[in-house]
Amino acid sequence: MNAQTIIVATLMTGLGLGSLTPYAPDPLRVASVAAKEAAERPIMGTVPSKGQVQRIRNPGNYGLGNDIAGSIYAIVSGHLVRLDAKTGRIISILRPVPKSRN
């Protein structure tokens, strides 16, 4: 367990968030899931492997206009991103993609 997980769990417990309902999940488990999800998010400036990239052929389906010159839209790790067309480097992370679209 890393320091970030311990801090988040301590804060949640201190605020009483773990005891609002008998059905609330264990604060340590919640913190662990949150930390894992953050680690799986794409990182600007990196080049994801080809297996991680799902190119978007119809940007309008995602509320986007046409590709910006020199870049393409794609989904990487469940996030809508803009990639450099030549290098494949992540230029920007736009937003998470709703689960129904993945």
Protein backbone atom coordinates (compact mmCIF):
# COMPACT_ATOMS: atom_id res chain seq x y z
CA MET A 1 0.00 0.00 0.00
CA ASN A 2 1.50 3.34 -0.98
CA ALA A 3 1.48 6.62 0.95
CA GLN A 4 -1.19 8.18 -1.28
CA THR A 5 -3.59 5.30 -0.56
CA ILE A 6 -3.00 5.60 3.16
CA ILE A 7 -3.56 9.37 3.14
CA VAL A 8 -6.80 9.10 1.14
CA ALA A 9 -8.10 6.28 3.34
CA THR A 10 -7.22 8.24 6.50
CA LEU A 11 -9.00 11.34 5.22
CA MET A 12 -12.09 9.37 4.23
CA THR A 13 -12.22 7.65 7.60
CA GLY A 14 -11.66 10.94 9.44
CA LEU A 15 -14.55 12.51 7.57
CA GLY A 16 -16.75 9.55 8.36
CA LEU A 17 -17.22 8.69 4.71
CA GLY A 18 -16.67 5.01 5.36
CA SER A 19 -19.55 4.79 7.82
CA LEU A 20 -22.39 6.66 6.10
CA THR A 21 -24.24 3.45 5.40
CA PRO A 22 -23.77 -0.21 6.26
CA TYR A 23 -23.36 -0.80 2.51
CA ALA A 24 -20.49 1.68 2.04
CA PRO A 25 -17.30 0.03 0.79
CA ASP A 26 -14.19 -0.15 2.91
CA PRO A 27 -12.30 3.20 2.59
CA LEU A 28 -9.02 1.42 1.87
CA ARG A 29 -10.59 -0.49 -1.01
CA VAL A 30 -12.09 2.72 -2.44
CA ALA A 31 -8.72 4.48 -2.23
CA SER A 32 -7.00 1.53 -3.87
CA VAL A 33 -9.43 1.55 -6.82
CA ALA A 34 -9.08 5.33 -7.23
CA ALA A 35 -5.28 5.07 -7.28
CA LYS A 36 -5.41 2.27 -9.86
CA GLU A 37 -7.69 4.21 -12.18
CA ALA A 38 -5.37 7.23 -12.08
CA ALA A 39 -2.42 5.03 -13.06
CA GLU A 40 -4.31 3.74 -16.12
CA ARG A 41 -5.09 7.20 -17.50
CA PRO A 42 -3.14 8.27 -20.58
CA ILE A 43 -0.26 10.67 -20.01
CA MET A 44 0.36 13.69 -22.24
CA GLY A 45 3.58 13.48 -24.22
CA THR A 46 3.74 9.68 -24.22
CA VAL A 47 3.33 7.44 -27.25
CA PRO A 48 0.83 4.68 -26.49
CA SER A 49 1.37 1.29 -28.11
CA LYS A 50 -0.67 0.55 -31.22
CA GLY A 51 -2.73 -1.97 -29.25
CA GLN A 52 -3.87 0.78 -26.85
CA VAL A 53 -5.05 3.16 -29.58
CA GLN A 54 -8.54 3.01 -31.05
CA ARG A 55 -8.64 5.62 -33.81
CA ILE A 56 -11.86 7.60 -34.15
CA ARG A 57 -13.06 7.63 -37.74
CA ASN A 58 -16.22 9.68 -37.15
CA PRO A 59 -15.44 12.47 -34.63
CA GLY A 60 -19.04 13.75 -34.81
CA ASN A 61 -20.17 10.68 -32.86
CA TYR A 62 -18.18 12.06 -29.92
CA GLY A 63 -19.26 15.68 -30.28
CA LEU A 64 -16.05 16.68 -32.05
CA GLY A 65 -15.37 18.53 -35.27
CA ASN A 66 -12.99 17.30 -37.95
CA ASP A 67 -9.43 16.35 -37.02
CA ILE A 68 -7.16 19.33 -36.47
CA ALA A 69 -4.40 19.50 -39.10
CA GLY A 70 -1.48 17.30 -38.09
CA SER A 71 -3.42 15.39 -35.45
CA ILE A 72 -5.99 12.63 -35.08
CA TYR A 73 -8.58 11.77 -32.45
CA ALA A 74 -8.40 8.43 -30.69
CA ILE A 75 -9.44 6.56 -27.56
CA VAL A 76 -6.60 5.51 -25.25
CA SER A 77 -7.29 3.80 -21.92
CA GLY A 78 -10.92 4.89 -22.02
CA HIS A 79 -10.11 8.56 -22.67
CA LEU A 80 -10.69 10.66 -25.74
CA VAL A 81 -7.30 12.03 -26.81
CA ARG A 82 -5.69 13.95 -29.66
CA LEU A 83 -2.54 12.35 -31.11
CA ASP A 84 0.19 13.80 -33.29
CA ALA A 85 -0.46 12.23 -36.70
CA LYS A 86 3.24 11.61 -37.42
CA THR A 87 4.65 10.52 -34.06
CA GLY A 88 1.55 9.13 -32.30
CA ARG A 89 2.43 11.21 -29.22
CA ILE A 90 -0.51 12.29 -27.02
CA ILE A 91 -1.00 16.02 -27.57
CA SER A 92 -4.04 16.46 -25.35
CA ILE A 93 -6.43 14.46 -23.20
CA LEU A 94 -9.94 15.69 -23.86
CA ARG A 95 -12.19 13.66 -21.53
CA PRO A 96 -13.13 10.15 -20.41
CA VAL A 97 -15.33 8.26 -22.86
CA PRO A 98 -18.65 7.02 -21.46
CA LYS A 99 -18.56 3.26 -20.84
CA SER A 100 -21.27 2.61 -23.45
CA ARG A 101 -18.97 3.93 -26.22
CA ASN A 102 -15.96 1.69 -25.45
